[in-house]
Protein backbone atom coordinates (compact mmCIF):
# COMPACT_ATOMS: atom_id res chain seq x y z
CA MET A 1 79.92 10.08 -20.82
CA ASN A 2 77.18 12.52 -21.77
CA THR A 3 74.12 10.60 -22.99
CA ASN A 4 71.75 13.58 -23.06
CA PRO A 5 71.30 14.54 -26.73
CA ARG A 6 70.22 18.06 -25.72
CA ARG A 7 73.41 18.75 -23.78
CA SER A 8 76.56 19.51 -25.75
CA PRO A 9 79.84 17.86 -24.72
CA ALA A 10 82.38 19.93 -22.86
CA GLY A 11 84.27 22.31 -25.07
CA VAL A 12 81.64 22.21 -27.82
CA LEU A 13 79.48 25.28 -28.38
CA PRO A 14 75.74 24.70 -28.33
CA PRO A 15 74.03 24.78 -31.73
CA ALA A 16 72.52 28.07 -32.87
CA ARG A 17 68.88 28.51 -32.05
CA ARG A 18 66.57 27.99 -34.94
CA PHE A 19 64.49 31.08 -34.33
CA SER A 20 65.40 34.46 -32.92
CA HIS A 21 63.54 36.02 -30.03
CA GLY A 22 61.61 38.33 -32.37
CA ALA A 23 60.54 35.41 -34.55
CA ARG A 24 59.29 33.46 -31.53
CA VAL A 25 57.33 36.48 -30.31
CA ARG A 26 55.74 36.88 -33.71
CA ARG A 27 54.86 33.17 -33.85
CA ARG A 28 53.26 33.29 -30.40
CA GLY A 29 51.30 36.42 -31.39
CA ALA A 30 50.06 34.77 -34.58
CA THR A 31 49.05 31.64 -32.63
CA LYS A 32 47.07 33.74 -30.12
CA ARG A 33 45.32 35.66 -32.89
CA ILE A 34 44.30 32.43 -34.65
CA PHE A 35 43.07 30.95 -31.34
CA PHE A 36 40.90 33.95 -30.43
CA THR A 37 39.66 34.27 -34.02
CA ARG A 38 38.52 30.65 -34.01
CA ALA A 39 36.91 31.04 -30.60
CA PHE A 40 35.01 34.14 -31.68
CA ALA A 41 33.96 32.52 -34.93
CA ARG A 42 32.71 29.43 -33.07
CA ALA A 43 30.71 31.61 -30.68
CA SER A 44 29.24 33.58 -33.59
CA SER A 45 28.26 30.48 -35.59
CA PRO A 46 24.70 29.10 -35.62
CA PRO A 47 23.85 26.30 -33.11
CA SER A 48 23.98 23.62 -35.78
CA ALA A 49 27.56 24.59 -36.67
CA ARG A 50 28.59 24.76 -33.02
CA ARG A 51 27.32 21.24 -32.33
CA GLY A 52 29.46 19.96 -35.18
CA GLY A 53 32.51 21.69 -33.72
CA SER A 54 33.33 23.83 -36.78
CA PRO A 55 32.48 27.54 -37.18
CA SER A 56 30.74 29.10 -40.13
CA PRO A 57 33.30 29.65 -42.95
CA THR A 58 31.93 33.13 -43.69
CA VAL A 59 32.13 34.27 -40.06
CA ALA A 60 35.62 32.80 -39.68
CA LEU A 61 36.85 34.60 -42.81
CA ILE A 62 35.43 37.94 -41.66
CA CYS A 63 36.94 37.61 -38.20
CA LEU A 64 40.34 36.56 -39.55
CA THR A 65 40.40 39.50 -41.98
CA ALA A 66 39.49 41.99 -39.25
CA SER A 67 42.10 40.53 -36.91
CA CYS A 68 44.84 40.75 -39.53
CA ARG A 69 43.94 44.34 -40.36
CA ARG A 70 43.89 45.30 -36.72
CA HIS A 71 47.26 43.79 -35.89
CA THR A 72 49.21 44.46 -39.06
CA THR A 73 48.50 48.20 -39.51
CA PRO A 74 51.62 50.01 -38.27
CA PRO A 75 51.50 53.35 -36.44
CA PHE A 76 51.22 56.61 -38.40
CA PHE A 77 54.83 57.73 -38.51
CA SER A 78 56.36 54.25 -38.64
CA ARG A 79 54.34 53.77 -41.83
CA ARG A 80 55.23 57.20 -43.24
CA ARG A 81 58.75 57.76 -41.97
CA GLU A 82 60.33 57.03 -45.37
CA ASP A 83 57.61 58.61 -47.53
CA TYR A 84 59.36 61.95 -48.03
CA ASN A 85 57.33 63.99 -50.50
CA TYR A 86 57.55 67.61 -49.32
CA PRO A 87 58.54 70.17 -50.46
CA LEU A 88 58.28 69.34 -54.14
CA TYR A 89 61.55 68.08 -55.68
CA LEU A 90 63.42 68.47 -52.37
CA ASN A 91 61.50 65.72 -50.54
CA VAL A 92 62.87 66.26 -47.04
CA LEU A 93 59.57 65.92 -45.13
CA HIS A 94 56.37 63.92 -45.30
CA TYR A 95 53.07 65.78 -45.74
CA ASN A 96 49.66 64.37 -46.53
CA SER A 97 46.60 65.97 -44.99
CA ASP A 98 44.67 62.70 -45.40
CA ASP A 99 46.78 61.26 -42.57
CA ILE A 100 44.79 63.42 -40.12
CA GLU A 101 41.66 61.59 -39.03
CA ASN A 102 39.80 64.52 -37.47
CA ALA A 103 38.03 66.60 -40.14
CA ASN A 104 38.38 69.92 -38.27
CA ALA A 105 42.06 69.32 -37.64
CA ARG A 106 42.58 68.40 -41.29
CA ALA A 107 40.92 71.64 -42.43
CA ALA A 108 43.03 73.67 -39.99
CA VAL A 109 46.26 72.13 -41.28
CA GLN A 110 45.26 72.71 -44.90
CA LEU A 111 44.61 76.38 -44.13
CA ALA A 112 47.98 76.61 -42.35
CA HIS A 113 49.62 75.13 -45.45
CA VAL A 114 47.97 77.73 -47.70
CA ALA A 115 49.06 80.51 -45.33
CA TYR A 116 52.67 79.27 -45.40
CA LEU A 117 52.78 79.08 -49.20
CA TYR A 118 51.16 82.50 -49.54
CA THR A 119 53.65 84.15 -47.19
CA LEU A 120 56.57 82.47 -48.95
CA CYS A 121 55.29 83.86 -52.26
CA LEU A 122 55.12 87.31 -50.65
CA PHE A 123 58.79 87.15 -49.69
CA LEU A 124 59.62 86.06 -53.22
CA LEU A 125 57.61 88.99 -54.62
CA ASN A 126 59.43 91.34 -52.28
CA PHE A 127 62.74 89.98 -53.55
CA LEU A 128 61.64 90.39 -57.18
CA GLY A 129 60.43 93.95 -56.66
CA THR A 130 63.62 94.88 -54.83
CA VAL A 131 65.71 93.53 -57.71
CA ILE A 132 63.74 95.64 -60.20
CA LEU A 133 63.87 98.78 -58.06
CA SER A 134 67.56 98.29 -57.36
CA GLY A 135 68.28 97.82 -61.05
CA GLY A 136 66.46 101.09 -61.80
CA GLY A 137 68.33 102.97 -59.09
CA ALA A 138 65.31 103.59 -56.86
CA VAL A 139 66.73 101.66 -53.87
CA ASP A 140 70.19 100.57 -52.77
CA GLY A 141 71.57 97.30 -54.09
CA VAL A 142 72.23 95.99 -50.58
CA ASN A 143 68.48 95.70 -50.11
CA VAL A 144 68.51 92.81 -52.58
CA VAL A 145 70.68 90.85 -50.14
CA TYR A 146 68.28 91.63 -47.28
CA ALA A 147 65.31 90.46 -49.33
CA LEU A 148 67.12 87.24 -50.28
CA PHE A 149 67.93 86.53 -46.65
CA ASN A 150 64.26 86.99 -45.77
CA VAL A 151 63.27 84.41 -48.38
CA ILE A 152 65.76 81.85 -47.10
CA ILE A 153 65.02 82.39 -43.42
CA TYR A 154 61.26 82.24 -43.78
CA GLY A 155 61.43 79.35 -46.23
CA ILE A 156 63.16 77.25 -43.56
CA VAL A 157 61.61 78.52 -40.32
CA GLY A 158 58.13 78.84 -41.82
CA MET A 159 58.29 75.27 -43.10
CA TYR A 160 59.39 74.07 -39.68
CA ALA A 161 56.47 75.90 -38.05
CA PHE A 162 53.95 74.47 -40.51
CA TYR A 163 55.36 70.95 -40.12
CA CYS A 164 55.07 71.21 -36.35
CA GLY A 165 51.42 72.13 -36.75
CA TYR A 166 50.82 69.27 -39.18
CA LYS A 167 52.64 66.63 -37.16
CA GLY A 168 51.13 67.87 -33.93
CA MET A 169 47.63 67.52 -35.36
CA ALA A 170 48.36 64.13 -36.92
CA THR A 171 49.84 62.65 -33.75
CA ARG A 172 47.86 64.69 -31.21
CA ASN A 173 51.03 66.21 -29.82
CA GLY A 174 50.17 69.44 -28.03
CA ARG A 175 53.79 70.49 -27.67
CA LEU A 176 54.33 70.56 -31.45
CA THR A 177 51.16 72.55 -32.02
CA ASP A 178 52.40 74.99 -29.38
CA TYR A 179 55.51 75.54 -31.50
CA TYR A 180 53.32 76.34 -34.48
CA VAL A 181 51.18 78.75 -32.47
CA TYR A 182 54.21 80.65 -31.16
CA LEU A 183 56.01 80.91 -34.50
CA GLN A 184 52.88 81.71 -36.49
CA SER A 185 52.04 84.49 -34.03
CA PHE A 186 55.44 86.02 -34.75
CA PHE A 187 54.93 85.70 -38.52
CA VAL A 188 51.54 87.41 -38.34
CA LEU A 189 53.04 90.28 -36.36
CA PHE A 190 55.90 90.55 -38.86
CA GLN A 191 53.49 90.77 -41.80
CA LEU A 192 51.44 93.41 -39.99
CA ILE A 193 54.58 95.53 -39.56
CA ALA A 194 55.75 94.88 -43.14
CA SER A 195 52.42 96.11 -44.49
CA SER A 196 52.83 99.44 -42.70
CA VAL A 197 56.50 100.51 -42.52
CA ASN A 198 58.93 101.80 -45.13
CA GLY A 199 62.69 101.66 -45.48
CA ALA A 200 65.26 99.20 -46.80
CA ASN A 201 63.37 96.46 -48.68
CA TYR A 202 60.00 97.09 -46.99
CA TYR A 203 57.33 98.92 -48.95
CA GLY A 204 54.35 99.30 -46.65
CA TRP A 205 51.52 101.80 -46.79
CA SER A 206 53.72 104.54 -45.34
CA ASN A 207 56.17 104.04 -48.25
CA ALA A 208 53.92 106.04 -50.61
CA GLY A 209 55.63 109.33 -49.76
CA ARG A 210 59.07 107.80 -50.28
CA ALA A 211 57.99 106.44 -53.65
CA LYS A 212 56.61 109.82 -54.80
CA ARG A 213 59.86 111.59 -53.89
CA SER A 214 61.98 109.04 -55.73
CA GLU A 215 63.88 110.53 -58.67
CA LYS A 216 63.87 107.23 -60.56
CA MET A 217 61.00 104.86 -61.34
CA ALA A 218 58.61 106.95 -59.27
CA ASP A 219 55.43 105.63 -60.93
CA PHE A 220 56.50 102.00 -60.73
CA PHE A 221 57.73 102.49 -57.18
CA LEU A 222 54.37 103.95 -56.10
CA GLY A 223 52.36 101.25 -57.85
CA TRP A 224 54.53 98.50 -56.39
CA THR A 225 54.11 100.01 -52.93
CA PHE A 226 50.32 99.80 -53.08
CA PHE A 227 50.47 96.31 -54.58
CA GLU A 228 52.88 94.88 -52.00
CA SER A 229 51.15 96.62 -49.09
CA THR A 230 47.84 95.08 -50.12
CA MET A 231 49.42 91.65 -50.41
CA TRP A 232 51.03 91.92 -46.96
CA THR A 233 47.69 93.00 -45.48
CA LEU A 234 45.94 89.97 -46.97
CA GLY A 235 48.87 87.85 -45.78
CA TYR A 236 48.56 88.67 -42.10
CA LEU A 237 44.78 88.25 -42.26
CA LEU A 238 45.21 84.79 -43.79
CA GLY A 239 47.94 83.91 -41.31
CA ALA A 240 45.78 85.05 -38.41
CA ALA A 241 42.90 82.89 -39.69
CA ALA A 242 45.19 79.84 -39.87
CA LEU A 243 46.51 80.57 -36.38
CA TYR A 244 42.98 80.84 -35.02
CA ARG A 245 41.85 77.59 -36.65
CA VAL A 246 44.78 75.59 -35.29
CA ALA A 247 44.52 77.07 -31.79
CA THR A 248 40.75 76.58 -31.49
CA THR A 249 40.91 73.04 -32.90
CA ARG A 250 43.41 72.11 -30.21
CA LYS A 251 41.26 73.60 -27.46
CA ASP A 252 38.05 71.98 -28.69
CA ALA A 253 39.71 68.57 -28.89
CA MET A 254 41.24 68.98 -25.45
CA ARG A 255 37.87 69.86 -23.92
CA SER A 256 36.02 67.03 -25.65
CA GLN A 257 38.62 64.28 -25.24
CA GLY A 258 40.42 65.27 -22.07
CA SER A 259 44.03 64.17 -21.80
CA SER A 260 43.76 62.18 -25.04
CA GLY A 261 43.00 65.26 -27.13
CA TYR A 262 45.29 67.49 -29.10
CA GLY A 263 46.36 69.28 -25.94
CA LEU A 264 48.31 66.24 -24.77
CA ARG A 265 51.88 67.09 -23.74
CA VAL A 266 54.43 64.44 -24.63
């Protein structure tokens, strides 16, 4: 006959454990934190308090608060993974420049964000101008479809590039910032070409002759050409500035912090 109260009889399943493995780990961690907090508080107390065996209440409270803050603050993206706030109303990504601790990196990401929004507005302006010119008969109607495709493609790919730059800076992931550098380089080159060429839905500086020869809406076509060309020129200058800031911030951090800098490959 089994007289051991901890051993279940044959054919009887053992009782369920009171605490799961995760709960036991958390309890042991809390016990260790309290032990070390008390030990530190006792060592930091004045001699009179140490002889009595009890630490100073003020020192103990400060140490306990610091310990709780240090051990209960979750990592960056575990804390933010459900805080989807970007873009506005769509809320498919998380973006908050305050999440970036380094001031230079934060400024670089903010400039990259401005460059992305500016370029997206340029594509929208190109679409609007193409609709007006197509409605007046100055350009073919199929160019409206091309302009709309450009808005959609850049809206998605440009957002991905910007998010890679932001997340790479926030988590010090050099591979993600590399993605931003590559894609942003392509966007800058595209804007440089768009500010110069003519044809289809592109109205660069060389489009002035085409606008003058137009039989319909010639004055508006010429004015829109100069306006859009100027905007594209400012766009690739702004995009190049953002690209330079992100690239140099990565290099400076990598030189100053070694393998722990923003050049870290993970």
